[in-house]
Amino acid sequence: MARFGGDDILGKFKLPPGPTRLLDVGGGHAMYSILMCEKYPELAATVLDSHQALETARQNIAAANMGQRITLQEGDFLKADYGSGYDAVFLFNIVHGLTPALNKELLRKTAQALKPGGQVVIVEQLLGAVSTPIGKASTRLLGLAYFHLIEGKTYTYEDLQGWLRDTGYGKPQKHGLLKAPGNYVIVTERMD
C-alpha cells in the first residue's frame, strides 16, 4: 500500500509548520517515514517495530539514503517507551489488531509522546464506511480474516472518534483513499 498509495495517504494531511520529529509506530518497512522525510527536509523519523519487521526497514532506508534521518527502535509498541516531543505519530494499519481497551491505551501513549498541537495520523479499514455492496462485503470479510488470523476486528469511525475523544484528542477528520477503497486517513491533534 505504501508503494502504490503512499502519495494518496500523505496528500490527505499536512504536518504542523516546521516539523522535526515523527514517530512511526508499527512502521515496519519504513516507507511512510521515508516518504515523509522526502516531503519535509527538516524532519527526522523513528520507526518502532519488532526486530523481524525492521529488517525490511533497514534495506529500504539504505536504498533511500535516509540513514542519517531515520532511526529504528526495536520493541513491542504496547510496552515501549515512546519518549516525547514528536510533531506527529503514525498509527498505520494497527487499530484492527487490538482490542478497544488496547487501542485506547495506545492512543494515550501517543498523546503523551506528542508536542501540544501535535498530530496523530491513523490509516485503517473502517467498518460501515463503504457504501457499495462489494465494498461492504470486502470490509466484513477483512474483519473476519483479522479475527481468525490475529484475533482482531474492523472498527467503525464512531469507535475511533470515541477513543480519540477519551484520550485527549480534538475532533478528527476522516479522508477516504481513492487507491484503497474502504481505507481511511484519520487525523487529529493532541489537545491541552
N, C-alpha and C. Protein backbone atom coordinates (compact mmCIF):
# COMPACT_ATOMS: atom_id res chain seq x y z
N MET A 1 0.82 -1.19 0.00
CA MET A 1 0.00 0.00 0.00
C MET A 1 0.87 1.26 0.00
N ALA A 2 1.99 1.22 0.70
CA ALA A 2 2.88 2.38 0.75
C ALA A 2 3.43 2.72 -0.63
N ARG A 3 3.73 1.71 -1.41
CA ARG A 3 4.32 1.96 -2.74
C ARG A 3 3.30 2.50 -3.75
N PHE A 4 2.10 1.93 -3.76
CA PHE A 4 1.14 2.40 -4.77
C PHE A 4 0.19 3.46 -4.23
N GLY A 5 0.04 3.57 -2.91
CA GLY A 5 -0.90 4.54 -2.36
C GLY A 5 -0.31 5.54 -1.41
N GLY A 6 1.00 5.54 -1.26
CA GLY A 6 1.64 6.45 -0.32
C GLY A 6 1.36 7.91 -0.62
N ASP A 7 1.36 8.28 -1.88
CA ASP A 7 1.09 9.67 -2.25
C ASP A 7 -0.35 10.05 -1.91
N ASP A 8 -1.29 9.12 -2.08
CA ASP A 8 -2.69 9.34 -1.74
C ASP A 8 -2.83 9.57 -0.24
N ILE A 9 -2.18 8.73 0.56
CA ILE A 9 -2.25 8.85 2.02
C ILE A 9 -1.63 10.17 2.48
N LEU A 10 -0.41 10.45 2.04
CA LEU A 10 0.30 11.64 2.51
C LEU A 10 -0.33 12.93 1.99
N GLY A 11 -1.10 12.85 0.93
CA GLY A 11 -1.78 14.02 0.42
C GLY A 11 -3.03 14.40 1.21
N LYS A 12 -3.42 13.58 2.17
CA LYS A 12 -4.64 13.83 2.94
C LYS A 12 -4.42 14.69 4.18
N PHE A 13 -3.19 15.02 4.50
CA PHE A 13 -2.92 15.81 5.70
C PHE A 13 -1.61 16.58 5.52
N LYS A 14 -1.44 17.61 6.36
CA LYS A 14 -0.20 18.37 6.42
C LYS A 14 0.25 18.38 7.87
N LEU A 15 1.54 18.23 8.09
CA LEU A 15 2.07 18.31 9.45
C LEU A 15 2.06 19.77 9.92
N PRO A 16 2.10 19.97 11.25
CA PRO A 16 2.21 21.34 11.75
C PRO A 16 3.44 22.03 11.16
N PRO A 17 3.46 23.36 11.08
CA PRO A 17 4.59 24.07 10.47
C PRO A 17 5.93 23.71 11.14
N GLY A 18 6.96 23.55 10.31
CA GLY A 18 8.32 23.28 10.79
C GLY A 18 8.50 21.98 11.53
N PRO A 19 7.92 20.87 11.06
CA PRO A 19 8.05 19.61 11.80
C PRO A 19 9.48 19.08 11.79
N THR A 20 9.90 18.55 12.94
CA THR A 20 11.25 18.00 13.04
C THR A 20 11.27 16.55 13.50
N ARG A 21 10.16 16.07 14.12
CA ARG A 21 10.19 14.71 14.66
C ARG A 21 8.89 13.96 14.37
N LEU A 22 9.06 12.73 13.85
CA LEU A 22 7.95 11.84 13.54
C LEU A 22 8.21 10.49 14.20
N LEU A 23 7.18 9.92 14.81
CA LEU A 23 7.24 8.56 15.34
C LEU A 23 6.29 7.71 14.53
N ASP A 24 6.82 6.67 13.90
CA ASP A 24 6.05 5.76 13.06
C ASP A 24 5.90 4.44 13.82
N VAL A 25 4.79 4.31 14.55
CA VAL A 25 4.56 3.15 15.41
C VAL A 25 4.11 1.97 14.55
N GLY A 26 4.81 0.86 14.66
CA GLY A 26 4.49 -0.31 13.84
C GLY A 26 4.82 -0.06 12.38
N GLY A 27 5.78 0.81 12.12
CA GLY A 27 6.11 1.25 10.76
C GLY A 27 6.92 0.29 9.94
N GLY A 28 7.23 -0.88 10.46
CA GLY A 28 7.90 -1.98 9.77
C GLY A 28 8.81 -1.63 8.62
N HIS A 29 8.27 -1.49 7.46
CA HIS A 29 9.06 -1.31 6.23
C HIS A 29 9.67 0.09 6.11
N ALA A 30 9.20 1.06 6.91
CA ALA A 30 9.71 2.44 6.96
C ALA A 30 9.39 3.27 5.72
N MET A 31 8.60 2.77 4.80
CA MET A 31 8.33 3.51 3.57
C MET A 31 7.60 4.83 3.82
N TYR A 32 6.66 4.85 4.77
CA TYR A 32 5.95 6.10 5.05
C TYR A 32 6.90 7.12 5.68
N SER A 33 7.79 6.67 6.53
CA SER A 33 8.78 7.58 7.13
C SER A 33 9.72 8.13 6.06
N ILE A 34 10.11 7.28 5.13
CA ILE A 34 10.97 7.73 4.03
C ILE A 34 10.25 8.79 3.20
N LEU A 35 9.00 8.54 2.85
CA LEU A 35 8.23 9.50 2.06
C LEU A 35 8.04 10.82 2.81
N MET A 36 7.82 10.75 4.11
CA MET A 36 7.65 11.98 4.89
C MET A 36 8.96 12.76 4.97
N CYS A 37 10.07 12.08 5.14
CA CYS A 37 11.36 12.76 5.20
C CYS A 37 11.71 13.39 3.85
N GLU A 38 11.28 12.78 2.77
CA GLU A 38 11.48 13.38 1.45
C GLU A 38 10.61 14.63 1.29
N LYS A 39 9.42 14.59 1.87
CA LYS A 39 8.48 15.72 1.75
C LYS A 39 8.86 16.89 2.66
N TYR A 40 9.38 16.58 3.85
CA TYR A 40 9.73 17.60 4.85
C TYR A 40 11.24 17.51 5.14
N PRO A 41 12.05 18.41 4.56
CA PRO A 41 13.52 18.31 4.63
C PRO A 41 14.12 18.37 6.03
N GLU A 42 13.43 18.97 6.99
CA GLU A 42 13.97 19.08 8.35
C GLU A 42 13.49 17.94 9.26
N LEU A 43 12.67 17.07 8.74
CA LEU A 43 12.06 16.01 9.54
C LEU A 43 13.01 14.83 9.74
N ALA A 44 13.03 14.32 10.96
CA ALA A 44 13.70 13.07 11.29
C ALA A 44 12.63 12.12 11.83
N ALA A 45 12.76 10.85 11.53
CA ALA A 45 11.74 9.88 11.93
C ALA A 45 12.35 8.75 12.75
N THR A 46 11.52 8.22 13.63
CA THR A 46 11.83 7.00 14.38
C THR A 46 10.77 5.97 14.02
N VAL A 47 11.21 4.80 13.59
CA VAL A 47 10.29 3.71 13.25
C VAL A 47 10.38 2.68 14.37
N LEU A 48 9.26 2.42 15.02
CA LEU A 48 9.19 1.48 16.13
C LEU A 48 8.45 0.22 15.69
N ASP A 49 9.15 -0.92 15.78
CA ASP A 49 8.52 -2.19 15.42
C ASP A 49 9.40 -3.32 15.94
N SER A 50 9.00 -4.54 15.65
CA SER A 50 9.75 -5.73 16.07
C SER A 50 11.04 -5.86 15.26
N HIS A 51 11.98 -6.63 15.78
CA HIS A 51 13.25 -6.86 15.09
C HIS A 51 13.01 -7.40 13.68
N GLN A 52 12.14 -8.38 13.57
CA GLN A 52 11.87 -9.01 12.28
C GLN A 52 11.29 -8.00 11.28
N ALA A 53 10.33 -7.20 11.71
CA ALA A 53 9.72 -6.21 10.81
C ALA A 53 10.73 -5.17 10.36
N LEU A 54 11.65 -4.81 11.24
CA LEU A 54 12.62 -3.75 10.91
C LEU A 54 13.73 -4.21 9.97
N GLU A 55 13.83 -5.49 9.69
CA GLU A 55 14.82 -5.96 8.71
C GLU A 55 14.55 -5.35 7.34
N THR A 56 13.28 -5.30 6.95
CA THR A 56 12.92 -4.67 5.68
C THR A 56 13.17 -3.17 5.75
N ALA A 57 12.90 -2.56 6.90
CA ALA A 57 13.14 -1.12 7.07
C ALA A 57 14.60 -0.79 6.82
N ARG A 58 15.50 -1.59 7.36
CA ARG A 58 16.93 -1.34 7.17
C ARG A 58 17.30 -1.29 5.68
N GLN A 59 16.78 -2.21 4.93
CA GLN A 59 17.05 -2.25 3.49
C GLN A 59 16.45 -1.03 2.78
N ASN A 60 15.21 -0.69 3.11
CA ASN A 60 14.56 0.45 2.46
C ASN A 60 15.23 1.77 2.81
N ILE A 61 15.64 1.92 4.06
CA ILE A 61 16.32 3.15 4.49
C ILE A 61 17.66 3.29 3.79
N ALA A 62 18.39 2.21 3.69
CA ALA A 62 19.68 2.25 2.99
C ALA A 62 19.49 2.59 1.50
N ALA A 63 18.50 1.98 0.86
CA ALA A 63 18.25 2.23 -0.56
C ALA A 63 17.84 3.69 -0.81
N ALA A 64 17.16 4.30 0.16
CA ALA A 64 16.72 5.69 0.02
C ALA A 64 17.76 6.68 0.54
N ASN A 65 18.88 6.16 1.04
CA ASN A 65 19.93 7.00 1.60
C ASN A 65 19.39 7.91 2.72
N MET A 66 18.61 7.33 3.63
CA MET A 66 17.98 8.07 4.72
C MET A 66 18.52 7.68 6.10
N GLY A 67 19.66 7.00 6.13
CA GLY A 67 20.21 6.53 7.39
C GLY A 67 20.51 7.62 8.39
N GLN A 68 20.76 8.85 7.94
CA GLN A 68 21.04 9.96 8.85
C GLN A 68 19.77 10.56 9.44
N ARG A 69 18.63 10.27 8.83
CA ARG A 69 17.39 10.92 9.28
C ARG A 69 16.34 9.96 9.85
N ILE A 70 16.52 8.67 9.64
CA ILE A 70 15.54 7.71 10.14
C ILE A 70 16.25 6.72 11.04
N THR A 71 15.79 6.64 12.28
CA THR A 71 16.33 5.69 13.24
C THR A 71 15.30 4.60 13.50
N LEU A 72 15.79 3.46 13.94
CA LEU A 72 14.93 2.32 14.22
C LEU A 72 14.95 2.03 15.71
N GLN A 73 13.77 1.73 16.24
CA GLN A 73 13.64 1.35 17.64
C GLN A 73 12.93 0.01 17.70
N GLU A 74 13.65 -1.01 18.14
CA GLU A 74 13.06 -2.34 18.25
C GLU A 74 12.27 -2.44 19.54
N GLY A 75 11.09 -3.07 19.44
CA GLY A 75 10.30 -3.29 20.64
C GLY A 75 8.84 -3.51 20.35
N ASP A 76 8.12 -3.85 21.39
CA ASP A 76 6.68 -4.05 21.37
C ASP A 76 6.05 -2.66 21.54
N PHE A 77 5.27 -2.22 20.57
CA PHE A 77 4.77 -0.85 20.64
C PHE A 77 3.77 -0.62 21.77
N LEU A 78 3.26 -1.69 22.37
CA LEU A 78 2.39 -1.52 23.53
C LEU A 78 3.19 -1.34 24.82
N LYS A 79 4.45 -1.75 24.82
CA LYS A 79 5.28 -1.67 26.03
C LYS A 79 6.41 -0.66 25.92
N ALA A 80 6.81 -0.30 24.72
CA ALA A 80 7.98 0.55 24.51
C ALA A 80 7.76 1.96 25.06
N ASP A 81 8.87 2.59 25.44
CA ASP A 81 8.87 4.00 25.84
C ASP A 81 8.97 4.83 24.56
N TYR A 82 7.98 5.64 24.30
CA TYR A 82 7.95 6.44 23.07
C TYR A 82 8.79 7.71 23.17
N GLY A 83 9.06 8.14 24.38
CA GLY A 83 9.70 9.43 24.53
C GLY A 83 8.65 10.53 24.37
N SER A 84 9.11 11.73 24.02
CA SER A 84 8.18 12.85 23.90
C SER A 84 8.71 13.86 22.88
N GLY A 85 7.90 14.86 22.61
CA GLY A 85 8.31 15.95 21.74
C GLY A 85 8.12 15.72 20.25
N TYR A 86 7.26 14.78 19.89
CA TYR A 86 7.03 14.49 18.47
C TYR A 86 5.99 15.46 17.88
N ASP A 87 6.20 15.82 16.63
CA ASP A 87 5.23 16.64 15.89
C ASP A 87 4.08 15.77 15.38
N ALA A 88 4.36 14.51 15.10
CA ALA A 88 3.34 13.60 14.58
C ALA A 88 3.68 12.17 14.96
N VAL A 89 2.63 11.38 15.12
CA VAL A 89 2.75 9.95 15.35
C VAL A 89 1.86 9.25 14.32
N PHE A 90 2.43 8.28 13.62
CA PHE A 90 1.67 7.47 12.67
C PHE A 90 1.25 6.16 13.32
N LEU A 91 -0.01 5.81 13.13
CA LEU A 91 -0.57 4.51 13.52
C LEU A 91 -1.24 3.95 12.27
N PHE A 92 -0.46 3.33 11.42
CA PHE A 92 -0.98 2.84 10.14
C PHE A 92 -1.23 1.34 10.20
N ASN A 93 -2.48 0.96 10.01
CA ASN A 93 -2.89 -0.44 9.98
C ASN A 93 -2.53 -1.19 11.26
N ILE A 94 -2.82 -0.56 12.38
CA ILE A 94 -2.57 -1.15 13.70
C ILE A 94 -3.86 -1.40 14.46
N VAL A 95 -4.80 -0.46 14.38
CA VAL A 95 -6.01 -0.48 15.20
C VAL A 95 -6.75 -1.80 15.09
N HIS A 96 -6.84 -2.38 13.90
CA HIS A 96 -7.62 -3.61 13.71
C HIS A 96 -7.05 -4.80 14.47
N GLY A 97 -5.80 -4.74 14.88
CA GLY A 97 -5.19 -5.86 15.58
C GLY A 97 -5.31 -5.80 17.09
N LEU A 98 -5.97 -4.76 17.60
CA LEU A 98 -6.05 -4.56 19.05
C LEU A 98 -7.49 -4.51 19.54
N THR A 99 -7.67 -4.78 20.80
CA THR A 99 -8.98 -4.65 21.44
C THR A 99 -9.28 -3.16 21.65
N PRO A 100 -10.53 -2.80 21.92
CA PRO A 100 -10.81 -1.40 22.23
C PRO A 100 -9.98 -0.87 23.39
N ALA A 101 -9.82 -1.65 24.45
CA ALA A 101 -9.03 -1.18 25.60
C ALA A 101 -7.57 -0.93 25.22
N LEU A 102 -6.99 -1.82 24.41
CA LEU A 102 -5.60 -1.62 23.99
C LEU A 102 -5.47 -0.45 23.02
N ASN A 103 -6.47 -0.23 22.19
CA ASN A 103 -6.44 0.93 21.30
C ASN A 103 -6.45 2.22 22.11
N LYS A 104 -7.26 2.27 23.15
CA LYS A 104 -7.28 3.47 23.99
C LYS A 104 -5.94 3.67 24.70
N GLU A 105 -5.34 2.59 25.16
CA GLU A 105 -4.02 2.69 25.80
C GLU A 105 -2.98 3.18 24.80
N LEU A 106 -3.02 2.66 23.59
CA LEU A 106 -2.10 3.09 22.54
C LEU A 106 -2.27 4.58 22.26
N LEU A 107 -3.50 5.05 22.16
CA LEU A 107 -3.76 6.46 21.90
C LEU A 107 -3.33 7.35 23.06
N ARG A 108 -3.45 6.87 24.29
CA ARG A 108 -2.94 7.63 25.45
C ARG A 108 -1.42 7.78 25.35
N LYS A 109 -0.76 6.68 24.99
CA LYS A 109 0.71 6.72 24.84
C LYS A 109 1.12 7.70 23.75
N THR A 110 0.41 7.71 22.64
CA THR A 110 0.77 8.62 21.55
C THR A 110 0.52 10.07 21.96
N ALA A 111 -0.55 10.32 22.71
CA ALA A 111 -0.83 11.69 23.17
C ALA A 111 0.31 12.18 24.06
N GLN A 112 0.83 11.32 24.92
CA GLN A 112 1.94 11.70 25.80
C GLN A 112 3.23 11.94 25.01
N ALA A 113 3.38 11.28 23.87
CA ALA A 113 4.59 11.42 23.06
C ALA A 113 4.58 12.67 22.19
N LEU A 114 3.40 13.23 21.97
CA LEU A 114 3.26 14.39 21.08
C LEU A 114 3.49 15.72 21.78
N LYS A 115 4.00 16.68 21.02
CA LYS A 115 4.03 18.07 21.47
C LYS A 115 2.58 18.55 21.55
N PRO A 116 2.30 19.60 22.33
CA PRO A 116 0.97 20.20 22.27
C PRO A 116 0.67 20.62 20.83
N GLY A 117 -0.49 20.25 20.33
CA GLY A 117 -0.86 20.54 18.95
C GLY A 117 -0.33 19.54 17.94
N GLY A 118 0.46 18.56 18.41
CA GLY A 118 0.97 17.52 17.52
C GLY A 118 -0.16 16.64 17.03
N GLN A 119 0.08 15.94 15.93
CA GLN A 119 -0.97 15.16 15.28
C GLN A 119 -0.74 13.66 15.41
N VAL A 120 -1.84 12.95 15.57
CA VAL A 120 -1.83 11.51 15.36
C VAL A 120 -2.52 11.28 14.02
N VAL A 121 -1.91 10.44 13.20
CA VAL A 121 -2.45 10.11 11.89
C VAL A 121 -2.67 8.59 11.87
N ILE A 122 -3.91 8.20 11.65
CA ILE A 122 -4.30 6.79 11.64
C ILE A 122 -4.72 6.42 10.22
N VAL A 123 -4.26 5.28 9.74
CA VAL A 123 -4.75 4.72 8.48
C VAL A 123 -5.37 3.37 8.84
N GLU A 124 -6.62 3.20 8.43
CA GLU A 124 -7.32 1.98 8.83
C GLU A 124 -8.51 1.71 7.92
N GLN A 125 -8.83 0.43 7.77
CA GLN A 125 -10.06 -0.02 7.11
C GLN A 125 -11.18 0.17 8.13
N LEU A 126 -12.26 0.84 7.74
CA LEU A 126 -13.34 1.12 8.68
C LEU A 126 -14.60 0.35 8.31
N LEU A 127 -15.21 -0.24 9.30
CA LEU A 127 -16.47 -0.97 9.14
C LEU A 127 -17.61 0.02 8.93
N GLY A 128 -18.47 -0.24 7.96
CA GLY A 128 -19.64 0.58 7.74
C GLY A 128 -19.38 1.88 7.00
N ALA A 129 -18.15 2.10 6.56
CA ALA A 129 -17.82 3.36 5.88
C ALA A 129 -17.89 3.25 4.37
N VAL A 130 -18.10 2.06 3.86
CA VAL A 130 -18.16 1.84 2.41
C VAL A 130 -19.63 1.68 2.02
N SER A 131 -20.02 2.30 0.91
CA SER A 131 -21.44 2.29 0.55
C SER A 131 -21.82 1.23 -0.49
N THR A 132 -20.86 0.68 -1.22
CA THR A 132 -21.20 -0.30 -2.24
C THR A 132 -21.33 -1.70 -1.63
N PRO A 133 -22.18 -2.55 -2.20
CA PRO A 133 -22.33 -3.91 -1.67
C PRO A 133 -21.00 -4.69 -1.67
N ILE A 134 -20.22 -4.55 -2.74
CA ILE A 134 -18.93 -5.25 -2.79
C ILE A 134 -17.99 -4.71 -1.72
N GLY A 135 -17.97 -3.40 -1.55
CA GLY A 135 -17.13 -2.78 -0.52
C GLY A 135 -17.51 -3.23 0.88
N LYS A 136 -18.82 -3.28 1.14
CA LYS A 136 -19.30 -3.74 2.45
C LYS A 136 -18.90 -5.19 2.69
N ALA A 137 -19.08 -6.02 1.69
CA ALA A 137 -18.71 -7.44 1.82
C ALA A 137 -17.21 -7.59 2.05
N SER A 138 -16.42 -6.82 1.31
CA SER A 138 -14.96 -6.89 1.47
C SER A 138 -14.53 -6.49 2.87
N THR A 139 -15.13 -5.42 3.40
CA THR A 139 -14.78 -4.96 4.74
C THR A 139 -15.15 -6.02 5.78
N ARG A 140 -16.31 -6.63 5.62
CA ARG A 140 -16.72 -7.67 6.58
C ARG A 140 -15.81 -8.91 6.47
N LEU A 141 -15.45 -9.30 5.26
CA LEU A 141 -14.53 -10.42 5.09
C LEU A 141 -13.16 -10.11 5.69
N LEU A 142 -12.70 -8.87 5.51
CA LEU A 142 -11.43 -8.47 6.11
C LEU A 142 -11.51 -8.54 7.63
N GLY A 143 -12.62 -8.08 8.19
CA GLY A 143 -12.82 -8.17 9.64
C GLY A 143 -12.79 -9.61 10.12
N LEU A 144 -13.40 -10.50 9.36
CA LEU A 144 -13.39 -11.92 9.71
C LEU A 144 -11.97 -12.48 9.64
N ALA A 145 -11.23 -12.08 8.61
CA ALA A 145 -9.83 -12.53 8.48
C ALA A 145 -9.00 -12.01 9.65
N TYR A 146 -9.18 -10.74 10.03
CA TYR A 146 -8.44 -10.19 11.18
C TYR A 146 -8.73 -11.00 12.44
N PHE A 147 -10.01 -11.35 12.62
CA PHE A 147 -10.39 -12.10 13.81
C PHE A 147 -9.71 -13.47 13.83
N HIS A 148 -9.73 -14.17 12.73
CA HIS A 148 -9.16 -15.51 12.68
C HIS A 148 -7.64 -15.51 12.70
N LEU A 149 -7.03 -14.54 12.06
CA LEU A 149 -5.56 -14.53 11.96
C LEU A 149 -4.87 -13.87 13.15
N ILE A 150 -5.44 -12.79 13.66
CA ILE A 150 -4.76 -12.05 14.73
C ILE A 150 -5.68 -11.70 15.90
N GLU A 151 -6.86 -12.32 15.95
CA GLU A 151 -7.85 -12.05 16.98
C GLU A 151 -8.24 -10.58 17.01
N GLY A 152 -8.23 -9.93 15.85
CA GLY A 152 -8.59 -8.53 15.74
C GLY A 152 -9.94 -8.36 15.08
N LYS A 153 -10.24 -7.12 14.68
CA LYS A 153 -11.51 -6.85 14.01
C LYS A 153 -11.46 -5.47 13.37
N THR A 154 -12.39 -5.21 12.47
CA THR A 154 -12.53 -3.87 11.93
C THR A 154 -13.45 -3.08 12.85
N TYR A 155 -13.18 -1.79 12.95
CA TYR A 155 -13.96 -0.91 13.82
C TYR A 155 -14.63 0.16 12.98
N THR A 156 -15.62 0.82 13.56
CA THR A 156 -16.30 1.92 12.90
C THR A 156 -15.57 3.23 13.17
N TYR A 157 -15.88 4.22 12.36
CA TYR A 157 -15.33 5.56 12.59
C TYR A 157 -15.78 6.09 13.94
N GLU A 158 -17.01 5.78 14.33
CA GLU A 158 -17.51 6.22 15.63
C GLU A 158 -16.71 5.62 16.78
N ASP A 159 -16.27 4.37 16.62
CA ASP A 159 -15.39 3.77 17.63
C ASP A 159 -14.13 4.60 17.79
N LEU A 160 -13.49 4.90 16.67
CA LEU A 160 -12.25 5.69 16.70
C LEU A 160 -12.49 7.08 17.28
N GLN A 161 -13.56 7.73 16.89
CA GLN A 161 -13.88 9.06 17.43
C GLN A 161 -13.96 9.03 18.95
N GLY A 162 -14.65 8.03 19.48
CA GLY A 162 -14.81 7.91 20.93
C GLY A 162 -13.48 7.70 21.63
N TRP A 163 -12.64 6.82 21.09
CA TRP A 163 -11.34 6.57 21.71
C TRP A 163 -10.47 7.82 21.68
N LEU A 164 -10.49 8.52 20.56
CA LEU A 164 -9.70 9.75 20.44
C LEU A 164 -10.18 10.80 21.43
N ARG A 165 -11.47 10.98 21.53
CA ARG A 165 -12.04 11.94 22.48
C ARG A 165 -11.64 11.59 23.92
N ASP A 166 -11.71 10.31 24.25
CA ASP A 166 -11.42 9.85 25.61
C ASP A 166 -9.94 9.92 25.97
N THR A 167 -9.07 10.08 24.99
CA THR A 167 -7.62 10.04 25.26
C THR A 167 -6.92 11.37 25.01
N GLY A 168 -7.70 12.46 24.88
CA GLY A 168 -7.08 13.78 24.84
C GLY A 168 -6.89 14.39 23.47
N TYR A 169 -7.63 13.93 22.49
CA TYR A 169 -7.52 14.48 21.14
C TYR A 169 -8.75 15.31 20.78
N GLY A 170 -8.55 16.21 19.82
CA GLY A 170 -9.64 17.02 19.29
C GLY A 170 -10.47 16.24 18.29
N LYS A 171 -11.38 16.95 17.65
CA LYS A 171 -12.27 16.31 16.67
C LYS A 171 -11.46 15.85 15.46
N PRO A 172 -11.57 14.58 15.11
CA PRO A 172 -10.79 14.06 13.97
C PRO A 172 -11.42 14.41 12.62
N GLN A 173 -10.57 14.37 11.61
CA GLN A 173 -11.02 14.49 10.23
C GLN A 173 -10.78 13.15 9.55
N LYS A 174 -11.74 12.73 8.74
CA LYS A 174 -11.66 11.44 8.05
C LYS A 174 -11.59 11.69 6.55
N HIS A 175 -10.61 11.05 5.90
CA HIS A 175 -10.41 11.19 4.46
C HIS A 175 -10.34 9.82 3.81
N GLY A 176 -11.19 9.55 2.82
CA GLY A 176 -11.16 8.30 2.09
C GLY A 176 -9.97 8.24 1.14
N LEU A 177 -9.54 7.03 0.85
CA LEU A 177 -8.41 6.82 -0.05
C LEU A 177 -8.90 6.30 -1.39
N LEU A 178 -8.61 7.04 -2.43
CA LEU A 178 -9.04 6.68 -3.78
C LEU A 178 -8.41 5.37 -4.23
N LYS A 179 -7.13 5.16 -3.90
CA LYS A 179 -6.42 3.97 -4.36
C LYS A 179 -6.65 2.75 -3.48
N ALA A 180 -7.32 2.93 -2.35
CA ALA A 180 -7.60 1.81 -1.45
C ALA A 180 -8.99 2.01 -0.84
N PRO A 181 -10.05 1.78 -1.63
CA PRO A 181 -11.41 1.99 -1.13
C PRO A 181 -11.67 1.22 0.17
N GLY A 182 -12.35 1.90 1.09
CA GLY A 182 -12.64 1.32 2.39
C GLY A 182 -11.59 1.64 3.42
N ASN A 183 -10.44 2.15 2.98
CA ASN A 183 -9.38 2.60 3.89
C ASN A 183 -9.48 4.10 4.05
N TYR A 184 -9.16 4.58 5.24
CA TYR A 184 -9.30 5.99 5.55
C TYR A 184 -8.09 6.50 6.31
N VAL A 185 -7.84 7.79 6.12
CA VAL A 185 -6.85 8.51 6.91
C VAL A 185 -7.64 9.33 7.92
N ILE A 186 -7.35 9.13 9.21
CA ILE A 186 -8.00 9.87 10.28
C ILE A 186 -6.91 10.71 10.94
N VAL A 187 -7.12 12.01 11.02
CA VAL A 187 -6.11 12.94 11.54
C VAL A 187 -6.74 13.79 12.63
N THR A 188 -6.02 13.96 13.73
CA THR A 188 -6.47 14.86 14.79
C THR A 188 -5.27 15.35 15.58
N GLU A 189 -5.49 16.38 16.39
CA GLU A 189 -4.42 16.98 17.18
C GLU A 189 -4.60 16.67 18.65
N ARG A 190 -3.47 16.60 19.32
CA ARG A 190 -3.48 16.49 20.79
C ARG A 190 -3.99 17.79 21.36
N MET A 191 -4.94 17.70 22.26
CA MET A 191 -5.50 18.88 22.96
C MET A 191 -4.76 19.05 24.27
N ASP A 192 -4.75 20.27 24.76
CA ASP A 192 -4.11 20.53 26.07
C ASP A 192 -5.13 20.96 27.09
